[in-house]
Every structure is written in structure tokens, then in C-alpha cells.
N, C-alpha and C. Protein backbone atom coordinates (compact mmCIF):
# COMPACT_ATOMS: atom_id res chain seq x y z
N MET A 1 -192.17 -61.50 -67.50
CA MET A 1 -193.12 -60.39 -67.40
C MET A 1 -194.37 -60.79 -68.16
N ASP A 2 -195.51 -60.54 -67.56
CA ASP A 2 -196.76 -60.97 -68.20
C ASP A 2 -197.22 -59.98 -69.27
N SER A 3 -198.11 -60.45 -70.11
CA SER A 3 -198.56 -59.66 -71.25
C SER A 3 -199.36 -58.43 -70.82
N GLN A 4 -199.98 -58.46 -69.65
CA GLN A 4 -200.72 -57.30 -69.15
C GLN A 4 -199.78 -56.12 -68.91
N LYS A 5 -198.63 -56.41 -68.32
CA LYS A 5 -197.67 -55.34 -68.04
C LYS A 5 -197.07 -54.80 -69.32
N ILE A 6 -196.79 -55.66 -70.27
CA ILE A 6 -196.26 -55.22 -71.56
C ILE A 6 -197.29 -54.35 -72.27
N SER A 7 -198.55 -54.74 -72.21
CA SER A 7 -199.62 -53.93 -72.81
C SER A 7 -199.69 -52.56 -72.14
N ARG A 8 -199.51 -52.54 -70.83
CA ARG A 8 -199.55 -51.26 -70.11
C ARG A 8 -198.37 -50.38 -70.51
N ILE A 9 -197.19 -50.96 -70.69
CA ILE A 9 -196.03 -50.20 -71.15
C ILE A 9 -196.35 -49.56 -72.50
N ASN A 10 -196.91 -50.34 -73.41
CA ASN A 10 -197.25 -49.83 -74.73
C ASN A 10 -198.33 -48.75 -74.67
N GLU A 11 -199.31 -48.97 -73.80
CA GLU A 11 -200.39 -47.99 -73.63
C GLU A 11 -199.84 -46.65 -73.13
N LEU A 12 -198.96 -46.71 -72.14
CA LEU A 12 -198.36 -45.48 -71.61
C LEU A 12 -197.49 -44.79 -72.66
N TYR A 13 -196.79 -45.57 -73.47
CA TYR A 13 -195.97 -44.98 -74.52
C TYR A 13 -196.84 -44.22 -75.52
N ARG A 14 -197.92 -44.87 -75.96
CA ARG A 14 -198.81 -44.21 -76.92
C ARG A 14 -199.42 -42.94 -76.33
N LYS A 15 -199.81 -43.02 -75.07
CA LYS A 15 -200.40 -41.85 -74.42
C LYS A 15 -199.37 -40.73 -74.29
N SER A 16 -198.13 -41.07 -74.00
CA SER A 16 -197.09 -40.05 -73.84
C SER A 16 -196.86 -39.31 -75.15
N LYS A 17 -196.97 -40.00 -76.26
CA LYS A 17 -196.79 -39.36 -77.57
C LYS A 17 -198.01 -38.55 -77.97
N ALA A 18 -199.19 -39.00 -77.59
CA ALA A 18 -200.43 -38.34 -78.01
C ALA A 18 -200.76 -37.11 -77.16
N GLU A 19 -200.72 -37.28 -75.83
CA GLU A 19 -201.20 -36.18 -74.99
C GLU A 19 -200.32 -35.89 -73.78
N GLY A 20 -199.34 -36.73 -73.52
CA GLY A 20 -198.48 -36.54 -72.35
C GLY A 20 -198.97 -37.37 -71.17
N LEU A 21 -198.08 -37.51 -70.19
CA LEU A 21 -198.39 -38.34 -69.02
C LEU A 21 -198.39 -37.49 -67.75
N THR A 22 -199.17 -37.91 -66.78
CA THR A 22 -199.13 -37.28 -65.47
C THR A 22 -197.86 -37.76 -64.76
N GLU A 23 -197.53 -37.13 -63.66
CA GLU A 23 -196.34 -37.55 -62.91
C GLU A 23 -196.47 -38.99 -62.42
N ALA A 24 -197.65 -39.37 -61.98
CA ALA A 24 -197.88 -40.75 -61.51
C ALA A 24 -197.69 -41.74 -62.66
N GLU A 25 -198.17 -41.39 -63.84
CA GLU A 25 -198.02 -42.28 -64.99
C GLU A 25 -196.56 -42.37 -65.42
N LYS A 26 -195.83 -41.27 -65.32
CA LYS A 26 -194.39 -41.29 -65.65
C LYS A 26 -193.64 -42.22 -64.71
N LYS A 27 -193.98 -42.18 -63.41
CA LYS A 27 -193.36 -43.08 -62.43
C LYS A 27 -193.68 -44.53 -62.76
N GLU A 28 -194.96 -44.78 -63.05
CA GLU A 28 -195.39 -46.13 -63.39
C GLU A 28 -194.66 -46.63 -64.62
N GLN A 29 -194.55 -45.78 -65.63
CA GLN A 29 -193.86 -46.15 -66.87
C GLN A 29 -192.40 -46.50 -66.59
N LYS A 30 -191.75 -45.68 -65.78
CA LYS A 30 -190.33 -45.92 -65.45
C LYS A 30 -190.16 -47.25 -64.74
N LEU A 31 -191.03 -47.53 -63.75
CA LEU A 31 -190.94 -48.79 -63.00
C LEU A 31 -191.20 -50.00 -63.90
N LEU A 32 -192.21 -49.88 -64.77
CA LEU A 32 -192.51 -50.99 -65.68
C LEU A 32 -191.36 -51.24 -66.65
N ARG A 33 -190.76 -50.18 -67.15
CA ARG A 33 -189.62 -50.33 -68.07
C ARG A 33 -188.44 -50.99 -67.37
N MET A 34 -188.18 -50.58 -66.13
CA MET A 34 -187.08 -51.19 -65.38
C MET A 34 -187.34 -52.68 -65.15
N GLU A 35 -188.57 -53.02 -64.80
CA GLU A 35 -188.93 -54.42 -64.59
C GLU A 35 -188.77 -55.22 -65.88
N TYR A 36 -189.18 -54.61 -67.00
CA TYR A 36 -189.05 -55.28 -68.31
C TYR A 36 -187.59 -55.53 -68.64
N LEU A 37 -186.74 -54.53 -68.45
CA LEU A 37 -185.32 -54.70 -68.75
C LEU A 37 -184.68 -55.78 -67.88
N GLU A 38 -185.03 -55.82 -66.60
CA GLU A 38 -184.50 -56.86 -65.71
C GLU A 38 -184.95 -58.25 -66.18
N SER A 39 -186.17 -58.34 -66.64
CA SER A 39 -186.69 -59.60 -67.15
C SER A 39 -185.91 -60.06 -68.39
N VAL A 40 -185.63 -59.12 -69.29
CA VAL A 40 -184.86 -59.44 -70.50
C VAL A 40 -183.45 -59.89 -70.12
N LYS A 41 -182.81 -59.17 -69.21
CA LYS A 41 -181.46 -59.52 -68.77
C LYS A 41 -181.43 -60.91 -68.13
N ARG A 42 -182.41 -61.18 -67.27
CA ARG A 42 -182.49 -62.48 -66.59
C ARG A 42 -182.65 -63.61 -67.60
N ASN A 43 -183.53 -63.42 -68.58
CA ASN A 43 -183.74 -64.45 -69.60
C ASN A 43 -182.49 -64.67 -70.45
N LEU A 44 -181.79 -63.60 -70.78
CA LEU A 44 -180.57 -63.73 -71.57
C LEU A 44 -179.50 -64.48 -70.78
N ARG A 45 -179.38 -64.15 -69.48
CA ARG A 45 -178.41 -64.84 -68.64
C ARG A 45 -178.66 -66.34 -68.60
N VAL A 46 -179.93 -66.71 -68.47
CA VAL A 46 -180.29 -68.14 -68.43
C VAL A 46 -179.90 -68.80 -69.75
N GLN A 47 -180.18 -68.15 -70.86
CA GLN A 47 -179.83 -68.72 -72.16
C GLN A 47 -178.32 -68.87 -72.32
N LEU A 48 -177.57 -67.82 -71.93
CA LEU A 48 -176.11 -67.88 -72.06
C LEU A 48 -175.50 -68.96 -71.17
N ASN A 49 -176.07 -69.14 -69.99
CA ASN A 49 -175.55 -70.16 -69.06
C ASN A 49 -175.81 -71.58 -69.56
N ASN A 50 -176.67 -71.74 -70.54
CA ASN A 50 -176.97 -73.07 -71.07
C ASN A 50 -176.35 -73.34 -72.44
N ILE A 51 -175.42 -72.49 -72.85
CA ILE A 51 -174.76 -72.68 -74.14
C ILE A 51 -173.51 -73.54 -73.95
N ASP A 52 -173.36 -74.54 -74.81
CA ASP A 52 -172.15 -75.35 -74.84
C ASP A 52 -171.31 -74.94 -76.04
N VAL A 53 -170.00 -74.78 -75.81
CA VAL A 53 -169.08 -74.37 -76.87
C VAL A 53 -168.05 -75.48 -77.07
N GLU A 54 -167.84 -75.84 -78.33
CA GLU A 54 -166.81 -76.84 -78.62
C GLU A 54 -165.48 -76.12 -78.86
N GLU A 55 -164.50 -76.45 -78.05
CA GLU A 55 -163.16 -75.85 -78.15
C GLU A 55 -162.41 -76.46 -79.32
N LYS A 56 -161.27 -75.85 -79.68
CA LYS A 56 -160.46 -76.33 -80.80
C LYS A 56 -159.97 -77.76 -80.58
N ASP A 57 -159.75 -78.13 -79.32
CA ASP A 57 -159.25 -79.47 -79.04
C ASP A 57 -160.37 -80.51 -78.99
N GLY A 58 -161.62 -80.09 -79.23
CA GLY A 58 -162.74 -81.02 -79.29
C GLY A 58 -163.53 -81.15 -78.01
N THR A 59 -163.03 -80.55 -76.93
CA THR A 59 -163.78 -80.61 -75.67
C THR A 59 -164.98 -79.66 -75.74
N VAL A 60 -166.01 -80.03 -75.01
CA VAL A 60 -167.21 -79.21 -74.96
C VAL A 60 -167.27 -78.55 -73.59
N VAL A 61 -167.43 -77.23 -73.60
CA VAL A 61 -167.44 -76.46 -72.35
C VAL A 61 -168.78 -75.73 -72.25
N ASN A 62 -169.40 -75.83 -71.08
CA ASN A 62 -170.64 -75.10 -70.82
C ASN A 62 -170.26 -73.71 -70.33
N LEU A 63 -170.80 -72.67 -70.96
CA LEU A 63 -170.44 -71.31 -70.59
C LEU A 63 -170.85 -70.96 -69.15
N GLY A 64 -171.97 -71.49 -68.71
CA GLY A 64 -172.40 -71.23 -67.34
C GLY A 64 -171.42 -71.78 -66.32
N GLU A 65 -170.91 -72.97 -66.59
CA GLU A 65 -169.93 -73.58 -65.69
C GLU A 65 -168.58 -72.87 -65.80
N LYS A 66 -168.19 -72.52 -67.01
CA LYS A 66 -166.88 -71.88 -67.24
C LYS A 66 -166.80 -70.51 -66.58
N TYR A 67 -167.88 -69.75 -66.64
CA TYR A 67 -167.85 -68.39 -66.12
C TYR A 67 -168.60 -68.25 -64.80
N GLY A 68 -168.78 -69.33 -64.09
CA GLY A 68 -169.29 -69.28 -62.74
C GLY A 68 -170.78 -69.37 -62.58
N ASN A 69 -171.54 -69.44 -63.66
CA ASN A 69 -173.00 -69.59 -63.59
C ASN A 69 -173.59 -68.66 -62.54
N LYS A 70 -173.28 -67.38 -62.67
CA LYS A 70 -173.69 -66.37 -61.69
C LYS A 70 -175.20 -66.26 -61.65
N LYS A 71 -175.76 -66.50 -60.50
CA LYS A 71 -177.22 -66.43 -60.35
C LYS A 71 -177.57 -65.13 -59.66
N GLY A 72 -178.65 -64.50 -60.16
CA GLY A 72 -179.13 -63.28 -59.54
C GLY A 72 -178.39 -62.03 -59.96
N ASN A 73 -177.42 -62.12 -60.87
CA ASN A 73 -176.70 -60.94 -61.34
C ASN A 73 -177.18 -60.49 -62.68
């Protein structure tokens, strides 16, 4: 998510606390928040899929390979 959209999320939040939002702004805020959350989830998934764990027996297992490296979920 680009910094312009994050700035807009913050701007709408401040406006909602100060004076309230119109219905159109509430919709925009909801959509931007959903997009932001999906972006965070996607980034976390990528990070988790690239973690290697050393098992007790000394073998190294990649979590993405072990748990199916689910793409798009």
C-alpha cells in the first residue's frame, strides 16, 4: 500500500474525531482500511513462508514448504 493511501486513512481518522465523516467518506475509509489489512496479511504471509526452522534432529524445514506455501490466501 502506498504512502498516499496511508495518509488518506490517517486524514479520515482525524476528521472523524474532529467533525465527523460524510457517508461517502465513511465508505472510503472502510475500503481503505480493508485494503490496508489485506496488505498487512499478505506481507506477513510472505515473511512466514520464508522462515526456516531447525528441528530437534538438526534438519532445517522451510515453513512455506511444510505448510503448503499457500498463495493468495
